[in-house]
Amino acid sequence: MVIVGTGPAGIFAALELCRLTSARILMLDKGDDLEARNSSRPSPRVALSGWGGAGAYSDGKLNLSPEVGGFLQRYLTSAQLAELIDYVDSIYLHFGAPRQLFGTVSEEVDRIAREAKRCGLQLVPSRIRHLGTDNCFEVLRRIREYLRDKVEVRFATPVVRIQPDSKRGHFVLWTDSGETIEALFAILAPGRGGSEWLSEQAKNLHLSTAINPVDIGLRVEVPASVMEPLTKVSYEAKLLFRSNKFGDQVRTFCMCPYGEVILEDLGGLYAVNGQSYAHRRTEYTNFAILVSTTFTEPFRDPISYGRHIALLANLLGGRVIVQRLSDLHSGRRSTGERIQQGPIFPTLKEATPGDLSFVLPYRHLANILEMLEALASLVPDMTPERVLLYGAEVKFYSLQIKLSPSMETEIPNLFGIGDGVGLTRGLVQASASGVIAAREIARRWQNRSAKGKTVQAPERQAWKAC
């Protein structure tokens, strides 16, 4: 069995296959092992590929509500998905995730939801377990050690092509070194960093696809005290907004209390992101405001559109741009001097003061300003003078691959899981998709083994918190 990709989806597929079978498992990744990633300055290969995928450099949020983090509800009932999420959560707990939960049902959460509705916002309730970027590495390290003698993992090994061999009933994978690998089952788990690769493979394999939306927006940074009425209760307040002018859906994403804004290198193209830690705090909270756009025919390349927006910020600011909201309202660019005179200072030192109105399309900028106004009604201390905006933040998602409820593509025994196949958008649902595919493969493998009477499945283990 071959798993292409060692992000959360691929890792959880391997964990489940080890639990249910004694089959030989090979994992391939174009990136590096965890220690090499941890000791390097995040480059495109380091930041998005390798053990842990893009999740290794994420804020480490485990969203435990079925409505958040992906589209698995299209394939499972609510009860099935909730049970699967609890199972995934138990594994994260086993490998050291903290037991504290945010956003559990309470009168305070209900009160915030009512206030949000009054302001034209919808609060999406979500139970969240926060690892923190630093603790995320530790959890991934423990999983890596657990699998070390159970799974073969080859890093710096890009797969350039995969081809089914119908006559022999298996798959052949070619690596960039010219090596060929044969497997009865193959799981594609390329993650966000492999979106273009997967699009190419889908075309070569004649897989049916649908266009995913592209999310474009800005990252907002405010004093942590401004957002504390929300973050103390829910840690990450997931808020939805429907713009009045265009009727577009706008949302908050990846809220990082007491965190910092970071630079995201997308292969020589720079965007912004955010993270926060388990063991240290800043005085600021940051979050993204994103506008989702789904393009229709004849345009079929939303990734290029998003890259073009990020490129404008790079062209004008060298990398990314930071601007005070008060300056944006006044129709002027921010300068270093103006920012230094204000009450809030950028945590991302590499950001260049500038004017984001030259970067985002009018429609996107108008939507974001509308939502900021609604947020200011919910959080009165969020005045324009206390808000910094960074741009651009762009989230690329692969074409959605047509999948069965067991995550199987139209080609038998070829499975697709995680963010890379346009299925999920977070650690938990990505991990859950890996479990789904692994259980189906284990069932088929055990049936095959029973017929040949060659292999016995190992005894199933329960995951218990350390």
Protein backbone atom coordinates (compact mmCIF):
# COMPACT_ATOMS: atom_id res chain seq x y z
CA MET A 1 0.00 0.00 0.00
CA VAL A 2 1.35 3.43 -0.95
CA ILE A 3 0.35 6.76 0.58
CA VAL A 4 1.46 9.86 -1.35
CA GLY A 5 1.78 12.65 1.21
CA THR A 6 2.65 12.72 4.91
CA GLY A 7 0.29 15.45 6.11
CA PRO A 8 -2.53 14.80 8.61
CA ALA A 9 -4.64 12.86 6.10
CA GLY A 10 -1.79 10.55 5.09
CA ILE A 11 -0.58 10.13 8.68
CA PHE A 12 -4.00 9.09 9.98
CA ALA A 13 -4.48 6.72 7.06
CA ALA A 14 -1.18 5.07 8.05
CA LEU A 15 -2.16 4.91 11.73
CA GLU A 16 -5.45 3.23 10.91
CA LEU A 17 -3.91 0.80 8.43
CA CYS A 18 -1.35 -0.20 11.06
CA ARG A 19 -4.14 -0.71 13.56
CA LEU A 20 -6.24 -2.89 11.26
CA THR A 21 -3.73 -4.72 9.07
CA SER A 22 -0.20 -6.08 8.98
CA ALA A 23 0.31 -4.99 5.38
CA ARG A 24 3.49 -3.28 4.22
CA ILE A 25 2.89 0.46 4.02
CA LEU A 26 5.07 2.94 2.12
CA MET A 27 4.66 6.71 2.50
CA LEU A 28 6.20 9.11 -0.04
CA ASP A 29 6.65 12.87 0.30
CA LYS A 30 8.50 15.51 -1.67
CA GLY A 31 9.34 17.37 1.57
CA ASP A 32 11.51 16.60 4.58
CA ASP A 33 11.24 14.73 7.85
CA LEU A 34 10.03 16.64 10.89
CA GLU A 35 13.42 17.42 12.44
CA ALA A 36 14.74 18.84 9.17
CA ARG A 37 11.62 20.98 8.84
CA ASN A 38 11.86 22.22 12.42
CA SER A 39 15.48 23.30 12.04
CA SER A 40 15.00 25.12 8.73
CA ARG A 41 13.69 28.53 7.84
CA PRO A 42 10.30 27.73 6.28
CA SER A 43 10.78 27.59 2.52
CA PRO A 44 7.97 26.51 0.17
CA ARG A 45 9.04 22.88 0.42
CA VAL A 46 9.54 23.10 4.18
CA ALA A 47 6.37 25.05 4.98
CA LEU A 48 3.86 23.02 2.96
CA SER A 49 5.46 19.61 2.48
CA GLY A 50 7.09 16.97 4.63
CA TRP A 51 5.97 15.23 7.82
CA GLY A 52 2.83 16.98 9.08
CA GLY A 53 2.22 18.87 5.82
CA ALA A 54 1.07 22.49 6.04
CA GLY A 55 -0.51 21.60 9.39
CA ALA A 56 2.92 21.43 11.03
CA TYR A 57 3.21 25.22 10.73
CA SER A 58 -0.45 25.88 11.49
CA ASP A 59 -1.93 27.24 14.68
CA GLY A 60 -2.76 23.65 15.63
CA LYS A 61 -6.52 24.04 16.05
CA LEU A 62 -8.59 20.88 16.25
CA ASN A 63 -12.11 21.91 15.24
CA LEU A 64 -14.34 19.19 16.64
CA SER A 65 -17.67 20.27 15.17
CA PRO A 66 -18.92 18.51 12.01
CA GLU A 67 -19.89 21.83 10.39
CA VAL A 68 -16.32 23.14 10.40
CA GLY A 69 -13.24 22.19 8.42
CA GLY A 70 -14.42 20.40 5.31
CA PHE A 71 -17.14 18.63 3.37
CA LEU A 72 -17.29 15.14 4.91
CA GLN A 73 -20.93 15.78 5.79
CA ARG A 74 -21.62 15.15 2.09
CA TYR A 75 -20.52 11.55 2.53
CA LEU A 76 -21.54 10.68 6.11
CA THR A 77 -24.56 11.17 8.33
CA SER A 78 -24.24 13.69 11.15
CA ALA A 79 -24.01 10.88 13.70
CA GLN A 80 -21.33 9.03 11.69
CA LEU A 81 -19.23 12.16 11.26
CA ALA A 82 -19.53 13.14 14.93
CA GLU A 83 -18.41 9.64 15.96
CA LEU A 84 -15.48 9.76 13.54
CA ILE A 85 -14.39 13.19 14.79
CA ASP A 86 -14.46 11.92 18.37
CA TYR A 87 -12.30 8.99 17.30
CA VAL A 88 -9.77 11.27 15.60
CA ASP A 89 -9.74 13.50 18.67
CA SER A 90 -8.96 10.48 20.88
CA ILE A 91 -5.87 9.78 18.78
CA TYR A 92 -4.65 13.37 19.05
CA LEU A 93 -5.18 13.14 22.81
CA HIS A 94 -3.24 9.87 22.90
CA PHE A 95 -0.25 11.61 21.32
CA GLY A 96 -0.31 14.60 23.65
CA ALA A 97 -2.98 17.11 22.61
CA PRO A 98 -4.16 19.21 25.59
CA ARG A 99 -7.43 18.21 27.21
CA GLN A 100 -8.81 21.76 27.51
CA LEU A 101 -11.74 22.51 25.20
CA PHE A 102 -13.01 25.90 24.07
CA GLY A 103 -16.42 26.77 22.66
CA THR A 104 -18.41 24.13 24.51
CA VAL A 105 -22.13 24.74 24.91
CA SER A 106 -22.73 27.41 27.54
CA GLU A 107 -24.87 30.43 28.33
CA GLU A 108 -21.93 32.66 27.38
CA VAL A 109 -21.66 31.11 23.90
CA ASP A 110 -25.42 31.52 23.45
CA ARG A 111 -25.15 35.18 24.49
CA ILE A 112 -22.38 35.86 21.96
CA ALA A 113 -24.42 34.12 19.23
CA ARG A 114 -27.41 36.38 19.99
CA GLU A 115 -25.24 39.51 19.96
CA ALA A 116 -23.63 38.42 16.68
CA LYS A 117 -27.03 37.94 15.07
CA ARG A 118 -28.03 41.44 16.17
CA CYS A 119 -24.95 42.75 14.32
CA GLY A 120 -25.70 40.83 11.12
CA LEU A 121 -23.22 38.06 11.88
CA GLN A 122 -23.70 34.34 12.36
CA LEU A 123 -21.60 32.58 14.99
CA VAL A 124 -20.81 28.99 14.00
CA PRO A 125 -20.51 27.05 17.28
CA SER A 126 -17.36 24.96 17.32
CA ARG A 127 -15.61 22.97 20.01
CA ILE A 128 -11.90 23.64 19.66
CA ARG A 129 -8.86 21.96 21.10
CA HIS A 130 -5.83 24.19 20.65
CA LEU A 131 -2.39 22.64 20.26
CA GLY A 132 -0.38 25.74 19.37
CA THR A 133 2.28 25.73 16.66
CA ASP A 134 4.98 24.61 19.10
CA ASN A 135 2.90 21.78 20.60
CA CYS A 136 1.78 20.73 17.13
CA PHE A 137 5.38 19.78 16.33
CA GLU A 138 5.58 17.74 19.53
CA VAL A 139 2.41 15.76 18.72
CA LEU A 140 3.68 15.11 15.20
CA ARG A 141 7.04 13.98 16.60
CA ARG A 142 5.35 11.42 18.84
CA ILE A 143 3.31 10.04 15.96
CA ARG A 144 6.45 9.85 13.83
CA GLU A 145 8.22 7.84 16.53
CA TYR A 146 5.25 5.52 16.94
CA LEU A 147 5.17 4.74 13.21
CA ARG A 148 8.93 4.59 12.71
CA ASP A 149 9.22 0.79 12.82
CA LYS A 150 5.75 0.15 11.39
CA VAL A 151 5.76 2.20 8.18
CA GLU A 152 8.46 2.91 5.61
CA VAL A 153 8.67 6.65 4.86
CA ARG A 154 10.73 8.17 2.04
CA PHE A 155 11.23 11.92 2.05
CA ALA A 156 12.51 14.15 -0.77
CA THR A 157 10.81 11.67 -3.12
CA PRO A 158 8.36 13.46 -5.43
CA VAL A 159 5.96 11.24 -7.34
CA VAL A 160 5.79 12.44 -10.92
CA ARG A 161 3.23 10.00 -12.26
CA ILE A 162 0.79 7.32 -11.15
CA GLN A 163 -0.75 4.81 -13.51
CA PRO A 164 -3.14 1.87 -12.96
CA ASP A 165 -2.22 -1.48 -14.49
CA SER A 166 -5.59 -3.13 -15.04
CA LYS A 167 -4.10 -6.38 -16.32
CA ARG A 168 -2.02 -6.98 -13.20
CA GLY A 169 -4.49 -5.30 -10.83
CA HIS A 170 -2.15 -2.78 -9.24
CA PHE A 171 -0.68 0.71 -9.58
CA VAL A 172 2.70 1.86 -10.79
CA LEU A 173 4.17 5.06 -9.37
CA TRP A 174 7.17 6.83 -10.89
CA THR A 175 9.39 9.06 -8.74
CA ASP A 176 11.52 11.93 -10.01
CA SER A 177 14.61 9.71 -9.78
CA GLY A 178 13.11 7.25 -12.28
CA GLU A 179 12.27 4.62 -9.67
CA THR A 180 9.05 2.65 -10.17
CA ILE A 181 6.95 1.44 -7.24
CA GLU A 182 4.10 -1.06 -7.48
CA ALA A 183 1.15 -1.17 -5.08
CA LEU A 184 -2.22 -2.90 -4.78
CA PHE A 185 -3.77 0.18 -3.17
CA ALA A 186 -2.81 3.84 -3.51
CA ILE A 187 -3.91 6.81 -1.44
CA LEU A 188 -3.41 10.34 -2.77
CA ALA A 189 -2.95 12.77 0.13
CA PRO A 190 -0.89 15.62 -1.37
CA GLY A 191 -2.20 18.42 0.88
CA ARG A 192 -2.37 22.11 -0.03
CA GLY A 193 1.19 22.03 -1.30
CA GLY A 194 0.28 19.43 -3.91
CA SER A 195 -2.81 21.07 -5.39
CA GLU A 196 -1.24 21.70 -8.81
CA TRP A 197 0.33 18.22 -8.83
CA LEU A 198 -3.03 16.62 -8.15
CA SER A 199 -4.72 18.62 -10.90
CA GLU A 200 -2.14 17.26 -13.33
CA GLN A 201 -2.62 13.68 -12.10
CA ALA A 202 -6.42 13.99 -12.31
CA LYS A 203 -6.11 15.13 -15.91
CA ASN A 204 -3.80 12.25 -16.82
CA LEU A 205 -6.05 9.71 -15.09
CA HIS A 206 -9.25 11.21 -16.59
CA LEU A 207 -10.82 11.72 -13.15
CA SER A 208 -13.99 13.80 -12.89
CA THR A 209 -13.46 17.10 -11.09
CA ALA A 210 -15.36 20.18 -9.98
CA ILE A 211 -14.02 23.68 -9.41
CA ASN A 212 -13.52 24.67 -5.78
CA PRO A 213 -13.96 28.28 -4.61
CA VAL A 214 -10.90 30.42 -4.01
CA ASP A 215 -10.73 32.39 -0.75
CA ILE A 216 -9.14 35.83 -0.95
CA GLY A 217 -8.89 38.40 1.80
CA LEU A 218 -6.82 40.16 4.45
CA ARG A 219 -5.41 39.28 7.85
CA VAL A 220 -6.58 41.54 10.67
CA GLU A 221 -4.45 42.30 13.74
CA VAL A 222 -5.77 44.00 16.87
CA PRO A 223 -4.76 44.23 20.53
CA ALA A 224 -5.58 40.91 22.21
CA SER A 225 -7.74 42.70 24.79
CA VAL A 226 -10.07 43.86 22.00
CA MET A 227 -11.03 40.30 21.05
CA GLU A 228 -10.94 38.78 24.53
CA PRO A 229 -14.76 38.90 24.96
CA LEU A 230 -14.84 36.33 22.13
CA THR A 231 -11.55 34.44 22.44
CA LYS A 232 -11.86 33.73 26.18
CA VAL A 233 -15.08 31.86 25.50
CA SER A 234 -14.58 30.22 22.10
CA TYR A 235 -10.84 30.71 21.42
CA GLU A 236 -11.66 31.00 17.72
CA ALA A 237 -14.86 32.82 16.90
CA LYS A 238 -16.04 31.53 13.53
CA LEU A 239 -18.29 34.25 12.15
CA LEU A 240 -20.17 34.36 8.85
CA PHE A 241 -21.43 37.49 7.13
CA ARG A 242 -23.52 38.09 4.01
CA SER A 243 -22.51 41.39 2.39
CA ASN A 244 -25.29 43.81 1.61
CA LYS A 245 -23.74 45.27 -1.54
CA PHE A 246 -22.91 42.05 -3.40
CA GLY A 247 -24.57 39.30 -1.37
CA ASP A 248 -21.27 37.42 -1.07
CA GLN A 249 -20.37 35.19 1.86
CA VAL A 250 -17.55 36.57 3.99
CA ARG A 251 -16.06 34.78 6.99
CA THR A 252 -13.45 34.93 9.68
CA PHE A 253 -10.80 32.25 9.52
CA CYS A 254 -7.88 31.02 11.63
CA MET A 255 -8.21 33.30 14.64
CA CYS A 256 -4.94 33.34 16.60
CA PRO A 257 -5.34 34.81 20.10
CA TYR A 258 -2.14 36.26 21.56
CA GLY A 259 -0.38 35.23 18.35
CA GLU A 260 1.54 36.75 15.49
CA VAL A 261 1.16 37.33 11.77
CA ILE A 262 3.59 35.30 9.68
CA LEU A 263 4.85 35.28 6.12
CA GLU A 264 3.79 32.34 3.96
CA ASP A 265 6.10 31.50 1.08
CA LEU A 266 4.13 29.80 -1.69
CA GLY A 267 7.05 29.04 -3.97
CA GLY A 268 8.43 32.54 -4.44
CA LEU A 269 4.97 34.04 -4.03
CA TYR A 270 4.34 35.58 -0.62
CA ALA A 271 1.09 35.73 1.33
CA VAL A 272 0.21 36.16 5.01
CA ASN A 273 -1.00 33.73 7.64
CA GLY A 274 -1.20 33.59 11.43
CA GLN A 275 -0.15 31.38 14.30
CA SER A 276 -0.18 31.28 18.09
CA TYR A 277 1.70 29.16 20.58
CA ALA A 278 0.95 26.99 23.56
CA HIS A 279 3.78 28.33 25.73
CA ARG A 280 4.23 32.00 24.85
CA ARG A 281 1.96 34.93 24.10
CA THR A 282 2.06 38.26 22.32
CA GLU A 283 -0.15 41.25 23.09
CA TYR A 284 -2.07 40.83 19.84
CA THR A 285 -4.75 38.68 18.22
CA ASN A 286 -4.97 38.15 14.48
CA PHE A 287 -7.46 36.51 12.14
CA ALA A 288 -8.30 36.42 8.46
CA ILE A 289 -11.38 37.80 6.76
CA LEU A 290 -11.93 35.87 3.55
CA VAL A 291 -14.29 36.24 0.62
CA SER A 292 -15.22 32.99 -1.12
CA THR A 293 -15.59 33.13 -4.89
CA THR A 294 -16.72 30.26 -7.11
CA PHE A 295 -16.05 30.90 -10.77
CA THR A 296 -18.24 29.59 -13.56
CA GLU A 297 -17.55 28.66 -17.17
CA PRO A 298 -15.49 29.41 -19.15
CA PHE A 299 -12.95 30.26 -16.41
CA ARG A 300 -11.53 27.15 -14.72
CA ASP A 301 -8.36 28.35 -13.03
CA PRO A 302 -9.16 29.93 -9.63
CA ILE A 303 -5.65 29.10 -8.35
CA SER A 304 -4.08 31.40 -10.97
CA TYR A 305 -6.55 34.14 -10.06
CA GLY A 306 -5.62 33.92 -6.39
CA ARG A 307 -1.90 33.88 -7.21
CA HIS A 308 -2.37 37.03 -9.30
CA ILE A 309 -3.90 38.87 -6.32
CA ALA A 310 -1.00 37.83 -4.08
CA LEU A 311 1.44 38.85 -6.81
CA LEU A 312 0.04 42.40 -6.82
CA ALA A 313 0.86 42.75 -3.11
CA ASN A 314 4.35 41.36 -3.77
CA LEU A 315 4.83 43.78 -6.67
CA LEU A 316 3.83 46.82 -4.63
CA GLY A 317 5.27 45.85 -1.25
CA GLY A 318 8.19 43.59 -2.03
CA ARG A 319 6.42 40.79 -0.17
CA VAL A 320 3.25 41.70 1.72
CA ILE A 321 1.61 44.99 2.67
CA VAL A 322 0.38 46.27 6.02
CA GLN A 323 -2.04 49.17 6.38
CA ARG A 324 -3.91 50.81 9.23
CA LEU A 325 -7.67 50.56 8.82
CA SER A 326 -7.94 54.27 9.62
CA ASP A 327 -5.61 55.06 6.68
CA LEU A 328 -7.64 52.84 4.37
CA HIS A 329 -10.81 54.69 5.39
CA SER A 330 -9.04 58.00 4.71
CA GLY A 331 -7.95 56.91 1.24
CA ARG A 332 -4.24 57.15 1.96
CA ARG A 333 -1.39 54.69 2.20
CA SER A 334 0.17 53.82 5.52
CA THR A 335 3.76 54.76 6.14
CA GLY A 336 6.22 53.53 8.72
CA GLU A 337 5.96 56.85 10.52
CA ARG A 338 2.16 56.76 10.70
CA ILE A 339 2.19 53.21 12.05
CA GLN A 340 4.77 54.13 14.70
CA GLN A 341 2.50 56.95 15.86
CA GLY A 342 -0.41 54.58 16.36
CA PRO A 343 -1.41 52.37 19.31
CA ILE A 344 -0.63 49.03 17.57
CA PHE A 345 2.55 47.78 15.92
CA PRO A 346 2.91 44.95 13.36
CA THR A 347 4.06 41.58 14.63
CA LEU A 348 5.19 40.78 11.07
CA LYS A 349 8.25 42.98 10.70
CA GLU A 350 8.77 42.04 7.03
CA ALA A 351 5.47 43.68 6.00
CA THR A 352 5.79 46.90 4.00
CA PRO A 353 3.48 49.82 4.87
CA GLY A 354 1.32 50.59 1.86
CA ASP A 355 -2.16 50.80 0.37
CA LEU A 356 -4.20 47.61 0.07
CA SER A 357 -6.80 49.27 -2.14
CA PHE A 358 -4.31 48.79 -4.99
CA VAL A 359 -4.20 45.05 -4.30
CA LEU A 360 -7.68 43.66 -3.71
CA PRO A 361 -10.47 43.93 -6.29
CA TYR A 362 -13.15 46.44 -5.32
CA ARG A 363 -15.72 43.70 -4.72
CA HIS A 364 -13.49 41.87 -2.23
CA LEU A 365 -12.42 45.03 -0.43
CA ALA A 366 -16.00 46.32 -0.13
CA ASN A 367 -17.12 42.97 1.32
CA ILE A 368 -14.30 42.98 3.89
CA LEU A 369 -14.97 46.56 4.98
CA GLU A 370 -18.65 45.70 5.46
CA MET A 371 -17.77 42.78 7.70
CA LEU A 372 -15.28 44.86 9.69
CA GLU A 373 -18.07 47.34 10.36
CA ALA A 374 -20.32 44.52 11.58
CA LEU A 375 -17.49 43.19 13.78
CA ALA A 376 -17.01 46.63 15.29
CA SER A 377 -20.65 46.53 16.38
CA LEU A 378 -20.05 43.18 18.09
CA VAL A 379 -16.67 44.19 19.58
CA PRO A 380 -16.93 47.95 20.26
CA ASP A 381 -13.23 48.38 21.13
CA MET A 382 -12.25 47.44 17.56
CA THR A 383 -11.88 51.03 16.36
CA PRO A 384 -10.11 51.77 13.02
CA GLU A 385 -7.07 53.20 14.83
CA ARG A 386 -6.52 49.87 16.60
CA VAL A 387 -6.74 47.67 13.51
CA LEU A 388 -3.91 46.66 11.17
CA LEU A 389 -4.64 44.94 7.86
CA TYR A 390 -2.18 42.68 6.04
CA GLY A 391 -2.49 41.47 2.48
CA ALA A 392 -2.95 39.43 0.74
CA GLU A 393 -4.19 36.23 2.35
CA VAL A 394 -5.10 33.63 -0.24
CA LYS A 395 -6.28 30.06 0.30
CA PHE A 396 -5.85 27.77 -2.67
CA TYR A 397 -7.87 24.58 -2.84
CA SER A 398 -7.48 21.86 -5.41
CA LEU A 399 -10.12 20.87 -7.87
CA GLN A 400 -12.60 18.64 -6.09
CA ILE A 401 -12.05 15.05 -7.13
CA LYS A 402 -15.18 12.91 -7.51
CA LEU A 403 -15.11 10.42 -4.62
CA SER A 404 -17.27 7.65 -3.20
CA PRO A 405 -18.34 7.67 0.47
CA SER A 406 -15.23 5.55 1.17
CA MET A 407 -12.99 8.21 -0.45
CA GLU A 408 -12.39 6.06 -3.54
CA THR A 409 -11.91 7.75 -6.91
CA GLU A 410 -13.49 6.49 -10.12
CA ILE A 411 -10.48 4.16 -10.46
CA PRO A 412 -10.86 1.11 -8.20
CA ASN A 413 -8.46 0.97 -5.24
CA LEU A 414 -7.23 4.54 -5.83
CA PHE A 415 -8.28 6.80 -2.96
CA GLY A 416 -8.09 10.56 -2.42
CA ILE A 417 -8.06 12.25 0.99
CA GLY A 418 -7.43 15.58 2.73
CA ASP A 419 -7.10 19.18 1.65
CA GLY A 420 -5.23 18.30 -1.55
CA VAL A 421 -8.24 16.64 -3.18
CA GLY A 422 -10.51 19.56 -2.30
CA LEU A 423 -12.25 17.55 0.41
CA THR A 424 -11.20 19.16 3.71
CA ARG A 425 -9.94 22.44 5.14
CA GLY A 426 -8.60 21.59 8.56
CA LEU A 427 -6.64 19.13 10.65
CA VAL A 428 -9.55 17.10 12.03
CA GLN A 429 -11.54 16.44 8.86
CA ALA A 430 -8.33 15.83 6.90
CA SER A 431 -7.35 13.24 9.51
CA ALA A 432 -10.86 11.75 9.45
CA SER A 433 -10.78 11.33 5.68
CA GLY A 434 -7.60 9.29 6.07
CA VAL A 435 -9.34 7.01 8.57
CA ILE A 436 -12.29 6.47 6.20
CA ALA A 437 -10.07 5.43 3.28
CA ALA A 438 -7.88 3.24 5.49
CA ARG A 439 -10.87 1.33 6.89
CA GLU A 440 -12.14 0.51 3.42
CA ILE A 441 -8.69 -0.59 2.25
CA ALA A 442 -8.25 -2.70 5.39
CA ARG A 443 -11.60 -4.39 4.74
CA ARG A 444 -10.60 -5.26 1.17
CA TRP A 445 -7.11 -6.35 2.20
CA GLN A 446 -8.44 -8.64 4.91
CA ASN A 447 -10.94 -10.19 2.47
CA ARG A 448 -8.12 -10.75 0.01
CA SER A 449 -5.93 -12.25 2.76
CA ALA A 450 -8.74 -14.51 3.99
CA LYS A 451 -9.17 -15.97 0.51
CA GLY A 452 -5.45 -16.62 0.25
CA LYS A 453 -5.18 -17.57 3.92
CA THR A 454 -1.85 -15.81 4.15
CA VAL A 455 -2.18 -12.93 6.61
CA GLN A 456 -3.90 -12.39 9.93
CA ALA A 457 -4.94 -8.88 10.93
CA PRO A 458 -3.43 -7.70 14.20
CA GLU A 459 -5.57 -7.25 17.26
CA ARG A 460 -7.27 -3.86 17.23
CA GLN A 461 -6.13 -1.38 19.84
CA ALA A 462 -8.01 1.42 21.53
CA TRP A 463 -6.52 4.89 21.61
CA LYS A 464 -6.30 6.24 25.13
CA ALA A 465 -4.92 9.60 26.19
CA CYS A 466 -1.41 9.55 27.55
